[in-house]
Amino acid sequence: MATTKEYRDFVLEQLNLLDNITCKSMMGEYLLYYNNILFGGIYDDRLLVKIVDSNKKYNMQESIPYDGAKPMYLVDDIDNQEFLKEIVIDTCKELSNKK
């Protein structure tokens, strides 16, 4: 099942507290970038972020985005924009340090 455009639009609206969010379509799903750092995606109407040490404190559930992929964290509470912003910033800080 591919992600709906309505769900994509909703997620992007929830991420509007962050500048420089970009979304790229990939095979019916969407990759999400913050300041050009790939931090997660929207898969089957679910928001998932990469697993890094700095976002483990949020106690999110692991989920597989698609067959054969590495596990990612499922962001359940996307209604809370401040919480979502913190998750993205913490995830991207660590990802940018790995480059």
PDB file of N, CA and C in Angstrom:
ATOM      1  N   MET A   1       0.842  -1.181   0.000  1.00  0.00           N
ATOM      2  CA  MET A   1       0.000   0.000   0.000  1.00  0.00           C
ATOM      3  C   MET A   1       0.889   1.247   0.000  1.00  0.00           C
ATOM      4  N   ALA A   2       0.709   2.092  -0.960  1.00  0.00           N
ATOM      5  CA  ALA A   2       1.481   3.323  -1.051  1.00  0.00           C
ATOM      6  C   ALA A   2       0.880   4.395  -0.136  1.00  0.00           C
ATOM      7  N   THR A   3       1.717   5.331   0.230  1.00  0.00           N
ATOM      8  CA  THR A   3       1.275   6.445   1.073  1.00  0.00           C
ATOM      9  C   THR A   3       0.364   7.373   0.265  1.00  0.00           C
ATOM     10  N   THR A   4      -0.688   7.847   0.899  1.00  0.00           N
ATOM     11  CA  THR A   4      -1.589   8.784   0.232  1.00  0.00           C
ATOM     12  C   THR A   4      -0.998  10.197   0.246  1.00  0.00           C
ATOM     13  N   LYS A   5      -1.364  10.969  -0.753  1.00  0.00           N
ATOM     14  CA  LYS A   5      -0.912  12.359  -0.807  1.00  0.00           C
ATOM     15  C   LYS A   5      -1.466  13.151   0.382  1.00  0.00           C
ATOM     16  N   GLU A   6      -2.666  12.796   0.832  1.00  0.00           N
ATOM     17  CA  GLU A   6      -3.269  13.481   1.972  1.00  0.00           C
ATOM     18  C   GLU A   6      -2.435  13.266   3.237  1.00  0.00           C
ATOM     19  N   TYR A   7      -1.970  12.041   3.448  1.00  0.00           N
ATOM     20  CA  TYR A   7      -1.146  11.771   4.633  1.00  0.00           C
ATOM     21  C   TYR A   7       0.202  12.482   4.505  1.00  0.00           C
ATOM     22  N   ARG A   8       0.791  12.450   3.316  1.00  0.00           N
ATOM     23  CA  ARG A   8       2.048  13.180   3.090  1.00  0.00           C
ATOM     24  C   ARG A   8       1.870  14.654   3.421  1.00  0.00           C
ATOM     25  N   ASP A   9       0.804  15.256   2.929  1.00  0.00           N
ATOM     26  CA  ASP A   9       0.554  16.674   3.185  1.00  0.00           C
ATOM     27  C   ASP A   9       0.372  16.941   4.678  1.00  0.00           C
ATOM     28  N   PHE A  10      -0.315  16.032   5.366  1.00  0.00           N
ATOM     29  CA  PHE A  10      -0.515  16.183   6.804  1.00  0.00           C
ATOM     30  C   PHE A  10       0.825  16.150   7.547  1.00  0.00           C
ATOM     31  N   VAL A  11       1.683  15.196   7.203  1.00  0.00           N
ATOM     32  CA  VAL A  11       2.993  15.096   7.859  1.00  0.00           C
ATOM     33  C   VAL A  11       3.810  16.358   7.588  1.00  0.00           C
ATOM     34  N   LEU A  12       3.821  16.819   6.359  1.00  0.00           N
ATOM     35  CA  LEU A  12       4.579  18.027   6.035  1.00  0.00           C
ATOM     36  C   LEU A  12       4.039  19.240   6.779  1.00  0.00           C
ATOM     37  N   GLU A  13       2.740  19.299   6.956  1.00  0.00           N
ATOM     38  CA  GLU A  13       2.140  20.395   7.725  1.00  0.00           C
ATOM     39  C   GLU A  13       2.599  20.315   9.188  1.00  0.00           C
ATOM     40  N   GLN A  14       2.666  19.107   9.733  1.00  0.00           N
ATOM     41  CA  GLN A  14       3.096  18.931  11.117  1.00  0.00           C
ATOM     42  C   GLN A  14       4.577  19.290  11.287  1.00  0.00           C
ATOM     43  N   LEU A  15       5.340  19.196  10.224  1.00  0.00           N
ATOM     44  CA  LEU A  15       6.771  19.516  10.278  1.00  0.00           C
ATOM     45  C   LEU A  15       7.049  20.989   9.965  1.00  0.00           C
ATOM     46  N   ASN A  16       6.014  21.808   9.839  1.00  0.00           N
ATOM     47  CA  ASN A  16       6.218  23.193   9.404  1.00  0.00           C
ATOM     48  C   ASN A  16       6.903  24.092  10.435  1.00  0.00           C
ATOM     49  N   LEU A  17       7.160  23.586  11.644  1.00  0.00           N
ATOM     50  CA  LEU A  17       7.942  24.363  12.612  1.00  0.00           C
ATOM     51  C   LEU A  17       9.431  24.360  12.244  1.00  0.00           C
ATOM     52  N   LEU A  18       9.796  23.480  11.330  1.00  0.00           N
ATOM     53  CA  LEU A  18      11.185  23.376  10.892  1.00  0.00           C
ATOM     54  C   LEU A  18      11.329  23.981   9.498  1.00  0.00           C
ATOM     55  N   ASP A  19      12.335  24.832   9.329  1.00  0.00           N
ATOM     56  CA  ASP A  19      12.647  25.339   7.998  1.00  0.00           C
ATOM     57  C   ASP A  19      13.470  24.282   7.277  1.00  0.00           C
ATOM     58  N   ASN A  20      13.490  24.349   5.975  1.00  0.00           N
ATOM     59  CA  ASN A  20      14.340  23.483   5.154  1.00  0.00           C
ATOM     60  C   ASN A  20      13.971  22.009   5.186  1.00  0.00           C
ATOM     61  N   ILE A  21      12.682  21.699   5.347  1.00  0.00           N
ATOM     62  CA  ILE A  21      12.210  20.324   5.198  1.00  0.00           C
ATOM     63  C   ILE A  21      11.922  20.103   3.713  1.00  0.00           C
ATOM     64  N   THR A  22      12.451  19.031   3.163  1.00  0.00           N
ATOM     65  CA  THR A  22      12.130  18.674   1.786  1.00  0.00           C
ATOM     66  C   THR A  22      11.644  17.238   1.752  1.00  0.00           C
ATOM     67  N   CYS A  23      10.858  16.957   0.740  1.00  0.00           N
ATOM     68  CA  CYS A  23      10.216  15.658   0.598  1.00  0.00           C
ATOM     69  C   CYS A  23      10.411  15.210  -0.845  1.00  0.00           C
ATOM     70  N   LYS A  24      10.940  13.992  -1.021  1.00  0.00           N
ATOM     71  CA  LYS A  24      11.156  13.452  -2.362  1.00  0.00           C
ATOM     72  C   LYS A  24      10.365  12.157  -2.517  1.00  0.00           C
ATOM     73  N   SER A  25       9.645  12.075  -3.607  1.00  0.00           N
ATOM     74  CA  SER A  25       8.855  10.889  -3.899  1.00  0.00           C
ATOM     75  C   SER A  25       9.774   9.753  -4.351  1.00  0.00           C
ATOM     76  N   MET A  26       9.500   8.544  -3.836  1.00  0.00           N
ATOM     77  CA  MET A  26      10.279   7.378  -4.243  1.00  0.00           C
ATOM     78  C   MET A  26       9.361   6.156  -4.233  1.00  0.00           C
ATOM     79  N   MET A  27       8.980   5.699  -5.402  1.00  0.00           N
ATOM     80  CA  MET A  27       8.210   4.466  -5.568  1.00  0.00           C
ATOM     81  C   MET A  27       6.950   4.428  -4.694  1.00  0.00           C
ATOM     82  N   GLY A  28       6.187   5.498  -4.695  1.00  0.00           N
ATOM     83  CA  GLY A  28       4.935   5.543  -3.953  1.00  0.00           C
ATOM     84  C   GLY A  28       5.077   5.939  -2.498  1.00  0.00           C
ATOM     85  N   GLU A  29       6.300   6.121  -2.054  1.00  0.00           N
ATOM     86  CA  GLU A  29       6.577   6.550  -0.680  1.00  0.00           C
ATOM     87  C   GLU A  29       7.345   7.868  -0.750  1.00  0.00           C
ATOM     88  N   TYR A  30       7.759   8.393   0.423  1.00  0.00           N
ATOM     89  CA  TYR A  30       8.395   9.704   0.450  1.00  0.00           C
ATOM     90  C   TYR A  30       9.585   9.715   1.395  1.00  0.00           C
ATOM     91  N   LEU A  31      10.708  10.238   0.913  1.00  0.00           N
ATOM     92  CA  LEU A  31      11.900  10.425   1.738  1.00  0.00           C
ATOM     93  C   LEU A  31      11.863  11.840   2.291  1.00  0.00           C
ATOM     94  N   LEU A  32      12.251  11.986   3.565  1.00  0.00           N
ATOM     95  CA  LEU A  32      12.216  13.284   4.226  1.00  0.00           C
ATOM     96  C   LEU A  32      13.621  13.749   4.590  1.00  0.00           C
ATOM     97  N   TYR A  33      13.892  15.011   4.300  1.00  0.00           N
ATOM     98  CA  TYR A  33      15.190  15.618   4.562  1.00  0.00           C
ATOM     99  C   TYR A  33      15.004  16.877   5.396  1.00  0.00           C
ATOM    100  N   TYR A  34      15.952  17.108   6.284  1.00  0.00           N
ATOM    101  CA  TYR A  34      16.011  18.364   7.028  1.00  0.00           C
ATOM    102  C   TYR A  34      17.409  18.913   6.836  1.00  0.00           C
ATOM    103  N   ASN A  35      17.516  20.116   6.285  1.00  0.00           N
ATOM    104  CA  ASN A  35      18.817  20.713   5.951  1.00  0.00           C
ATOM    105  C   ASN A  35      19.666  19.746   5.124  1.00  0.00           C
ATOM    106  N   ASN A  36      19.027  19.112   4.143  1.00  0.00           N
ATOM    107  CA  ASN A  36      19.667  18.170   3.222  1.00  0.00           C
ATOM    108  C   ASN A  36      20.162  16.884   3.876  1.00  0.00           C
ATOM    109  N   ILE A  37      19.693  16.575   5.072  1.00  0.00           N
ATOM    110  CA  ILE A  37      20.046  15.332   5.759  1.00  0.00           C
ATOM    111  C   ILE A  37      18.834  14.408   5.715  1.00  0.00           C
ATOM    112  N   LEU A  38      18.998  13.236   5.124  1.00  0.00           N
ATOM    113  CA  LEU A  38      17.925  12.250   5.078  1.00  0.00           C
ATOM    114  C   LEU A  38      17.728  11.697   6.486  1.00  0.00           C
ATOM    115  N   PHE A  39      16.576  12.001   7.087  1.00  0.00           N
ATOM    116  CA  PHE A  39      16.334  11.557   8.462  1.00  0.00           C
ATOM    117  C   PHE A  39      15.231  10.514   8.571  1.00  0.00           C
ATOM    118  N   GLY A  40      14.436  10.345   7.531  1.00  0.00           N
ATOM    119  CA  GLY A  40      13.350   9.385   7.612  1.00  0.00           C
ATOM    120  C   GLY A  40      12.492   9.413   6.368  1.00  0.00           C
ATOM    121  N   GLY A  41      11.283   8.892   6.533  1.00  0.00           N
ATOM    122  CA  GLY A  41      10.384   8.854   5.402  1.00  0.00           C
ATOM    123  C   GLY A  41       8.971   8.531   5.819  1.00  0.00           C
ATOM    124  N   ILE A  42       8.110   8.582   4.827  1.00  0.00           N
ATOM    125  CA  ILE A  42       6.713   8.236   5.022  1.00  0.00           C
ATOM    126  C   ILE A  42       6.478   6.965   4.217  1.00  0.00           C
ATOM    127  N   TYR A  43       6.138   5.895   4.918  1.00  0.00           N
ATOM    128  CA  TYR A  43       5.957   4.584   4.307  1.00  0.00           C
ATOM    129  C   TYR A  43       4.602   4.027   4.730  1.00  0.00           C
ATOM    130  N   ASP A  44       3.758   3.691   3.764  1.00  0.00           N
ATOM    131  CA  ASP A  44       2.435   3.117   4.060  1.00  0.00           C
ATOM    132  C   ASP A  44       1.674   3.938   5.095  1.00  0.00           C
ATOM    133  N   ASP A  45       1.654   5.245   4.889  1.00  0.00           N
ATOM    134  CA  ASP A  45       0.965   6.176   5.803  1.00  0.00           C
ATOM    135  C   ASP A  45       1.493   6.087   7.234  1.00  0.00           C
ATOM    136  N   ARG A  46       2.811   5.914   7.369  1.00  0.00           N
ATOM    137  CA  ARG A  46       3.476   5.908   8.676  1.00  0.00           C
ATOM    138  C   ARG A  46       4.719   6.783   8.568  1.00  0.00           C
ATOM    139  N   LEU A  47       4.950   7.614   9.581  1.00  0.00           N
ATOM    140  CA  LEU A  47       6.158   8.418   9.643  1.00  0.00           C
ATOM    141  C   LEU A  47       7.228   7.625  10.387  1.00  0.00           C
ATOM    142  N   LEU A  48       8.361   7.381   9.721  1.00  0.00           N
ATOM    143  CA  LEU A  48       9.466   6.636  10.313  1.00  0.00           C
ATOM    144  C   LEU A  48      10.724   7.487  10.256  1.00  0.00           C
ATOM    145  N   VAL A  49      11.558   7.375  11.302  1.00  0.00           N
ATOM    146  CA  VAL A  49      12.837   8.083  11.337  1.00  0.00           C
ATOM    147  C   VAL A  49      13.953   7.072  11.562  1.00  0.00           C
ATOM    148  N   LYS A  50      15.142   7.435  11.090  1.00  0.00           N
ATOM    149  CA  LYS A  50      16.296   6.568  11.280  1.00  0.00           C
ATOM    150  C   LYS A  50      16.586   6.385  12.769  1.00  0.00           C
ATOM    151  N   ILE A  51      17.119   5.225  13.112  1.00  0.00           N
ATOM    152  CA  ILE A  51      17.490   4.935  14.493  1.00  0.00           C
ATOM    153  C   ILE A  51      18.914   5.418  14.736  1.00  0.00           C
ATOM    154  N   VAL A  52      19.056   6.320  15.694  1.00  0.00           N
ATOM    155  CA  VAL A  52      20.369   6.803  16.141  1.00  0.00           C
ATOM    156  C   VAL A  52      20.330   6.875  17.666  1.00  0.00           C
ATOM    157  N   ASP A  53      21.494   6.929  18.291  1.00  0.00           N
ATOM    158  CA  ASP A  53      21.549   6.945  19.759  1.00  0.00           C
ATOM    159  C   ASP A  53      20.757   8.112  20.358  1.00  0.00           C
ATOM    160  N   SER A  54      20.814   9.270  19.705  1.00  0.00           N
ATOM    161  CA  SER A  54      20.196  10.464  20.288  1.00  0.00           C
ATOM    162  C   SER A  54      18.666  10.446  20.266  1.00  0.00           C
ATOM    163  N   ASN A  55      18.045   9.557  19.480  1.00  0.00           N
ATOM    164  CA  ASN A  55      16.584   9.537  19.502  1.00  0.00           C
ATOM    165  C   ASN A  55      16.024   8.307  20.226  1.00  0.00           C
ATOM    166  N   LYS A  56      16.888   7.512  20.818  1.00  0.00           N
ATOM    167  CA  LYS A  56      16.419   6.351  21.586  1.00  0.00           C
ATOM    168  C   LYS A  56      15.663   6.776  22.841  1.00  0.00           C
ATOM    169  N   LYS A  57      15.946   7.967  23.343  1.00  0.00           N
ATOM    170  CA  LYS A  57      15.305   8.463  24.562  1.00  0.00           C
ATOM    171  C   LYS A  57      13.799   8.666  24.401  1.00  0.00           C
ATOM    172  N   TYR A  58      13.318   8.694  23.161  1.00  0.00           N
ATOM    173  CA  TYR A  58      11.892   8.911  22.913  1.00  0.00           C
ATOM    174  C   TYR A  58      11.081   7.614  22.991  1.00  0.00           C
ATOM    175  N   ASN A  59      11.770   6.487  23.186  1.00  0.00           N
ATOM    176  CA  ASN A  59      11.113   5.180  23.356  1.00  0.00           C
ATOM    177  C   ASN A  59      10.100   4.880  22.247  1.00  0.00           C
ATOM    178  N   MET A  60      10.519   5.073  21.018  1.00  0.00           N
ATOM    179  CA  MET A  60       9.641   4.775  19.885  1.00  0.00           C
ATOM    180  C   MET A  60       9.773   3.305  19.507  1.00  0.00           C
ATOM    181  N   GLN A  61       8.742   2.785  18.911  1.00  0.00           N
ATOM    182  CA  GLN A  61       8.700   1.396  18.494  1.00  0.00           C
ATOM    183  C   GLN A  61       9.447   1.230  17.166  1.00  0.00           C
ATOM    184  N   GLU A  62      10.201   0.134  17.047  1.00  0.00           N
ATOM    185  CA  GLU A  62      10.875  -0.157  15.783  1.00  0.00           C
ATOM    186  C   GLU A  62       9.855  -0.685  14.774  1.00  0.00           C
ATOM    187  N   SER A  63      10.072  -0.340  13.519  1.00  0.00           N
ATOM    188  CA  SER A  63       9.192  -0.786  12.451  1.00  0.00           C
ATOM    189  C   SER A  63      10.025  -0.919  11.169  1.00  0.00           C
ATOM    190  N   ILE A  64       9.626  -1.821  10.303  1.00  0.00           N
ATOM    191  CA  ILE A  64      10.304  -2.017   9.020  1.00  0.00           C
ATOM    192  C   ILE A  64       9.543  -1.223   7.957  1.00  0.00           C
ATOM    193  N   PRO A  65      10.229  -0.309   7.249  1.00  0.00           N
ATOM    194  CA  PRO A  65       9.518   0.505   6.254  1.00  0.00           C
ATOM    195  C   PRO A  65       9.017  -0.311   5.053  1.00  0.00           C
ATOM    196  N   TYR A  66       9.827  -1.278   4.618  1.00  0.00           N
ATOM    197  CA  TYR A  66       9.465  -2.134   3.479  1.00  0.00           C
ATOM    198  C   TYR A  66      10.334  -3.383   3.554  1.00  0.00           C
ATOM    199  N   ASP A  67       9.944  -4.418   2.849  1.00  0.00           N
ATOM    200  CA  ASP A  67      10.668  -5.686   2.889  1.00  0.00           C
ATOM    201  C   ASP A  67      12.139  -5.494   2.550  1.00  0.00           C
ATOM    202  N   GLY A  68      12.994  -6.039   3.403  1.00  0.00           N
ATOM    203  CA  GLY A  68      14.436  -5.977   3.177  1.00  0.00           C
ATOM    204  C   GLY A  68      15.122  -4.740   3.729  1.00  0.00           C
ATOM    205  N   ALA A  69      14.364  -3.821   4.304  1.00  0.00           N
ATOM    206  CA  ALA A  69      14.945  -2.572   4.824  1.00  0.00           C
ATOM    207  C   ALA A  69      15.373  -2.740   6.277  1.00  0.00           C
ATOM    208  N   LYS A  70      16.272  -1.863   6.701  1.00  0.00           N
ATOM    209  CA  LYS A  70      16.674  -1.813   8.107  1.00  0.00           C
ATOM    210  C   LYS A  70      15.520  -1.253   8.934  1.00  0.00           C
ATOM    211  N   PRO A  71      15.434  -1.654  10.208  1.00  0.00           N
ATOM    212  CA  PRO A  71      14.386  -1.098  11.066  1.00  0.00           C
ATOM    213  C   PRO A  71      14.568   0.413  11.254  1.00  0.00           C
ATOM    214  N   MET A  72      13.459   1.078  11.451  1.00  0.00           N
ATOM    215  CA  MET A  72      13.436   2.499  11.753  1.00  0.00           C
ATOM    216  C   MET A  72      12.494   2.677  12.936  1.00  0.00           C
ATOM    217  N   TYR A  73      12.466   3.898  13.478  1.00  0.00           N
ATOM    218  CA  TYR A  73      11.529   4.190  14.557  1.00  0.00           C
ATOM    219  C   TYR A  73      10.228   4.744  13.978  1.00  0.00           C
ATOM    220  N   LEU A  74       9.119   4.235  14.500  1.00  0.00           N
ATOM    221  CA  LEU A  74       7.796   4.708  14.132  1.00  0.00           C
ATOM    222  C   LEU A  74       7.430   5.887  15.041  1.00  0.00           C
ATOM    223  N   VAL A  75       7.099   7.014  14.433  1.00  0.00           N
ATOM    224  CA  VAL A  75       6.673   8.192  15.193  1.00  0.00           C
ATOM    225  C   VAL A  75       5.158   8.144  15.284  1.00  0.00           C
ATOM    226  N   ASP A  76       4.663   7.785  16.465  1.00  0.00           N
ATOM    227  CA  ASP A  76       3.217   7.660  16.677  1.00  0.00           C
ATOM    228  C   ASP A  76       2.547   9.003  16.908  1.00  0.00           C
ATOM    229  N   ASP A  77       3.199   9.876  17.658  1.00  0.00           N
ATOM    230  CA  ASP A  77       2.576  11.135  18.073  1.00  0.00           C
ATOM    231  C   ASP A  77       2.957  12.265  17.120  1.00  0.00           C
ATOM    232  N   ILE A  78       2.396  12.237  15.913  1.00  0.00           N
ATOM    233  CA  ILE A  78       2.739  13.306  14.974  1.00  0.00           C
ATOM    234  C   ILE A  78       1.834  14.520  15.136  1.00  0.00           C
ATOM    235  N   ASP A  79       0.844  14.423  16.030  1.00  0.00           N
ATOM    236  CA  ASP A  79      -0.009  15.577  16.297  1.00  0.00           C
ATOM    237  C   ASP A  79       0.706  16.631  17.140  1.00  0.00           C
ATOM    238  N   ASN A  80       1.716  16.217  17.893  1.00  0.00           N
ATOM    239  CA  ASN A  80       2.469  17.120  18.759  1.00  0.00           C
ATOM    240  C   ASN A  80       3.654  17.690  17.972  1.00  0.00           C
ATOM    241  N   GLN A  81       3.467  18.882  17.423  1.00  0.00           N
ATOM    242  CA  GLN A  81       4.483  19.474  16.554  1.00  0.00           C
ATOM    243  C   GLN A  81       5.808  19.743  17.271  1.00  0.00           C
ATOM    244  N   GLU A  82       5.765  20.192  18.509  1.00  0.00           N
ATOM    245  CA  GLU A  82       7.004  20.460  19.254  1.00  0.00           C
ATOM    246  C   GLU A  82       7.791  19.174  19.484  1.00  0.00           C
ATOM    247  N   PHE A  83       7.102  18.108  19.841  1.00  0.00           N
ATOM    248  CA  PHE A  83       7.726  16.799  20.054  1.00  0.00           C
ATOM    249  C   PHE A  83       8.345  16.294  18.747  1.00  0.00           C
ATOM    250  N   LEU A  84       7.614  16.438  17.670  1.00  0.00           N
ATOM    251  CA  LEU A  84       8.096  16.022  16.358  1.00  0.00           C
ATOM    252  C   LEU A  84       9.344  16.810  15.958  1.00  0.00           C
ATOM    253  N   LYS A  85       9.324  18.087  16.223  1.00  0.00           N
ATOM    254  CA  LYS A  85      10.473  18.948  15.919  1.00  0.00           C
ATOM    255  C   LYS A  85      11.708  18.473  16.679  1.00  0.00           C
ATOM    256  N   GLU A  86      11.553  18.161  17.966  1.00  0.00           N
ATOM    257  CA  GLU A  86      12.674  17.670  18.782  1.00  0.00           C
ATOM    258  C   GLU A  86      13.250  16.379  18.220  1.00  0.00           C
ATOM    259  N   ILE A  87      12.370  15.461  17.837  1.00  0.00           N
ATOM    260  CA  ILE A  87      12.827  14.177  17.285  1.00  0.00           C
ATOM    261  C   ILE A  87      13.660  14.409  16.024  1.00  0.00           C
ATOM    262  N   VAL A  88      13.168  15.228  15.123  1.00  0.00           N
ATOM    263  CA  VAL A  88      13.877  15.487  13.863  1.00  0.00           C
ATOM    264  C   VAL A  88      15.220  16.157  14.127  1.00  0.00           C
ATOM    265  N   ILE A  89      15.245  17.159  14.988  1.00  0.00           N
ATOM    266  CA  ILE A  89      16.503  17.868  15.279  1.00  0.00           C
ATOM    267  C   ILE A  89      17.513  16.926  15.923  1.00  0.00           C
ATOM    268  N   ASP A  90      17.088  16.144  16.920  1.00  0.00           N
ATOM    269  CA  ASP A  90      18.009  15.207  17.571  1.00  0.00           C
ATOM    270  C   ASP A  90      18.532  14.161  16.580  1.00  0.00           C
ATOM    271  N   THR A  91      17.663  13.665  15.740  1.00  0.00           N
ATOM    272  CA  THR A  91      18.075  12.658  14.765  1.00  0.00           C
ATOM    273  C   THR A  91      19.085  13.255  13.784  1.00  0.00           C
ATOM    274  N   CYS A  92      18.801  14.425  13.277  1.00  0.00           N
ATOM    275  CA  CYS A  92      19.673  15.036  12.263  1.00  0.00           C
ATOM    276  C   CYS A  92      21.008  15.497  12.835  1.00  0.00           C
ATOM    277  N   LYS A  93      21.031  15.930  14.100  1.00  0.00           N
ATOM    278  CA  LYS A  93      22.299  16.323  14.709  1.00  0.00           C
ATOM    279  C   LYS A  93      23.260  15.164  14.687  1.00  0.00           C
ATOM    280  N   GLU A  94      22.790  13.996  15.074  1.00  0.00           N
ATOM    281  CA  GLU A  94      23.671  12.833  15.100  1.00  0.00           C
ATOM    282  C   GLU A  94      24.039  12.370  13.677  1.00  0.00           C
ATOM    283  N   LEU A  95      23.080  12.403  12.781  1.00  0.00           N
ATOM    284  CA  LEU A  95      23.361  11.999  11.399  1.00  0.00           C
ATOM    285  C   LEU A  95      24.370  12.926  10.742  1.00  0.00           C
ATOM    286  N   SER A  96      24.310  14.223  11.046  1.00  0.00           N
ATOM    287  CA  SER A  96      25.253  15.167  10.442  1.00  0.00           C
ATOM    288  C   SER A  96      26.663  14.962  11.024  1.00  0.00           C
ATOM    289  N   ASN A  97      26.755  14.494  12.260  1.00  0.00           N
ATOM    290  CA  ASN A  97      28.066  14.219  12.855  1.00  0.00           C
ATOM    291  C   ASN A  97      28.712  12.975  12.283  1.00  0.00           C
ATOM    292  N   LYS A  98      27.918  12.090  11.707  1.00  0.00           N
ATOM    293  CA  LYS A  98      28.445  10.852  11.126  1.00  0.00           C
ATOM    294  C   LYS A  98      29.046  11.068   9.741  1.00  0.00           C
ATOM    295  N   LYS A  99      28.745  12.207   9.124  1.00  0.00           N
ATOM    296  CA  LYS A  99      29.260  12.473   7.771  1.00  0.00           C
ATOM    297  C   LYS A  99      30.729  12.818   7.810  1.00  0.00           C
TER     298      LYS A  99
END
